[in-house]
């Protein structure tokens, strides 16, 4: 797994997590 992909994945995780916080 290359670094850019990992960075993108972590960013996606953060976005989905904040979205969850907004919903709850």
PDB file of N, CA and C in Angstrom:
ATOM      1  N   UNK A   1       0.851  -1.202   0.000  1.00  0.00           N
ATOM      2  CA  UNK A   1       0.000   0.000   0.000  1.00  0.00           C
ATOM      3  C   UNK A   1       0.887   1.253   0.000  1.00  0.00           C
ATOM      4  N   UNK A   2       0.623   2.151  -0.930  1.00  0.00           N
ATOM      5  CA  UNK A   2       1.441   3.361  -1.007  1.00  0.00           C
ATOM      6  C   UNK A   2       0.895   4.455  -0.090  1.00  0.00           C
ATOM      7  N   UNK A   3       1.749   5.426   0.197  1.00  0.00           N
ATOM      8  CA  UNK A   3       1.393   6.471   1.159  1.00  0.00           C
ATOM      9  C   UNK A   3       0.218   7.359   0.719  1.00  0.00           C
ATOM     10  N   UNK A   4       0.206   7.864  -0.524  1.00  0.00           N
ATOM     11  CA  UNK A   4      -0.926   8.714  -0.951  1.00  0.00           C
ATOM     12  C   UNK A   4      -2.279   8.041  -0.768  1.00  0.00           C
ATOM     13  N   UNK A   5      -2.321   6.749  -1.064  1.00  0.00           N
ATOM     14  CA  UNK A   5      -3.573   6.007  -0.917  1.00  0.00           C
ATOM     15  C   UNK A   5      -3.978   5.979   0.553  1.00  0.00           C
ATOM     16  N   UNK A   6      -3.016   5.754   1.416  1.00  0.00           N
ATOM     17  CA  UNK A   6      -3.280   5.689   2.851  1.00  0.00           C
ATOM     18  C   UNK A   6      -3.783   7.041   3.361  1.00  0.00           C
ATOM     19  N   UNK A   7      -3.150   8.105   2.886  1.00  0.00           N
ATOM     20  CA  UNK A   7      -3.551   9.444   3.293  1.00  0.00           C
ATOM     21  C   UNK A   7      -4.987   9.714   2.862  1.00  0.00           C
ATOM     22  N   UNK A   8      -5.300   9.321   1.625  1.00  0.00           N
ATOM     23  CA  UNK A   8      -6.646   9.517   1.099  1.00  0.00           C
ATOM     24  C   UNK A   8      -7.649   8.721   1.922  1.00  0.00           C
ATOM     25  N   UNK A   9      -7.272   7.516   2.292  1.00  0.00           N
ATOM     26  CA  UNK A   9      -8.159   6.656   3.066  1.00  0.00           C
ATOM     27  C   UNK A   9      -8.422   7.243   4.449  1.00  0.00           C
ATOM     28  N   UNK A  10      -7.380   7.760   5.079  1.00  0.00           N
ATOM     29  CA  UNK A  10      -7.548   8.352   6.413  1.00  0.00           C
ATOM     30  C   UNK A  10      -8.430   9.599   6.336  1.00  0.00           C
ATOM     31  N   UNK A  11      -8.269  10.350   5.246  1.00  0.00           N
ATOM     32  CA  UNK A  11      -9.102  11.535   5.057  1.00  0.00           C
ATOM     33  C   UNK A  11     -10.566  11.125   4.904  1.00  0.00           C
ATOM     34  N   UNK A  12     -10.792  10.070   4.154  1.00  0.00           N
ATOM     35  CA  UNK A  12     -12.148   9.564   3.954  1.00  0.00           C
ATOM     36  C   UNK A  12     -12.748   9.122   5.285  1.00  0.00           C
ATOM     37  N   UNK A  13     -11.925   8.501   6.108  1.00  0.00           N
ATOM     38  CA  UNK A  13     -12.383   8.055   7.424  1.00  0.00           C
ATOM     39  C   UNK A  13     -12.794   9.253   8.276  1.00  0.00           C
ATOM     40  N   UNK A  14     -11.973  10.290   8.257  1.00  0.00           N
ATOM     41  CA  UNK A  14     -12.280  11.482   9.045  1.00  0.00           C
ATOM     42  C   UNK A  14     -13.589  12.124   8.603  1.00  0.00           C
ATOM     43  N   UNK A  15     -13.776  12.207   7.289  1.00  0.00           N
ATOM     44  CA  UNK A  15     -14.989  12.819   6.739  1.00  0.00           C
ATOM     45  C   UNK A  15     -16.225  12.032   7.154  1.00  0.00           C
ATOM     46  N   UNK A  16     -16.160  10.718   7.007  1.00  0.00           N
ATOM     47  CA  UNK A  16     -17.314   9.888   7.368  1.00  0.00           C
ATOM     48  C   UNK A  16     -17.576   9.956   8.874  1.00  0.00           C
ATOM     49  N   UNK A  17     -16.513  10.067   9.659  1.00  0.00           N
ATOM     50  CA  UNK A  17     -16.667  10.134  11.105  1.00  0.00           C
ATOM     51  C   UNK A  17     -17.344  11.439  11.531  1.00  0.00           C
ATOM     52  N   UNK A  18     -16.923  12.544  10.933  1.00  0.00           N
ATOM     53  CA  UNK A  18     -17.551  13.828  11.270  1.00  0.00           C
ATOM     54  C   UNK A  18     -19.000  13.850  10.812  1.00  0.00           C
ATOM     55  N   UNK A  19     -19.269  13.186   9.702  1.00  0.00           N
ATOM     56  CA  UNK A  19     -20.642  13.104   9.210  1.00  0.00           C
ATOM     57  C   UNK A  19     -21.498  12.347  10.222  1.00  0.00           C
ATOM     58  N   UNK A  20     -20.942  11.307  10.780  1.00  0.00           N
ATOM     59  CA  UNK A  20     -21.645  10.509  11.783  1.00  0.00           C
ATOM     60  C   UNK A  20     -21.932  11.366  13.014  1.00  0.00           C
ATOM     61  N   UNK A  21     -20.965  12.169  13.416  1.00  0.00           N
ATOM     62  CA  UNK A  21     -21.136  13.035  14.579  1.00  0.00           C
ATOM     63  C   UNK A  21     -22.257  14.036  14.344  1.00  0.00           C
ATOM     64  N   UNK A  22     -22.350  14.546  13.138  1.00  0.00           N
ATOM     65  CA  UNK A  22     -23.397  15.523  12.808  1.00  0.00           C
ATOM     66  C   UNK A  22     -24.775  14.868  12.882  1.00  0.00           C
ATOM     67  N   UNK A  23     -24.867  13.636  12.408  1.00  0.00           N
ATOM     68  CA  UNK A  23     -26.148  12.916  12.400  1.00  0.00           C
ATOM     69  C   UNK A  23     -26.593  12.595  13.833  1.00  0.00           C
ATOM     70  N   UNK A  24     -25.669  12.154  14.647  1.00  0.00           N
ATOM     71  CA  UNK A  24     -26.016  11.737  16.011  1.00  0.00           C
ATOM     72  C   UNK A  24     -26.340  12.924  16.921  1.00  0.00           C
TER      73      UNK A  24
END
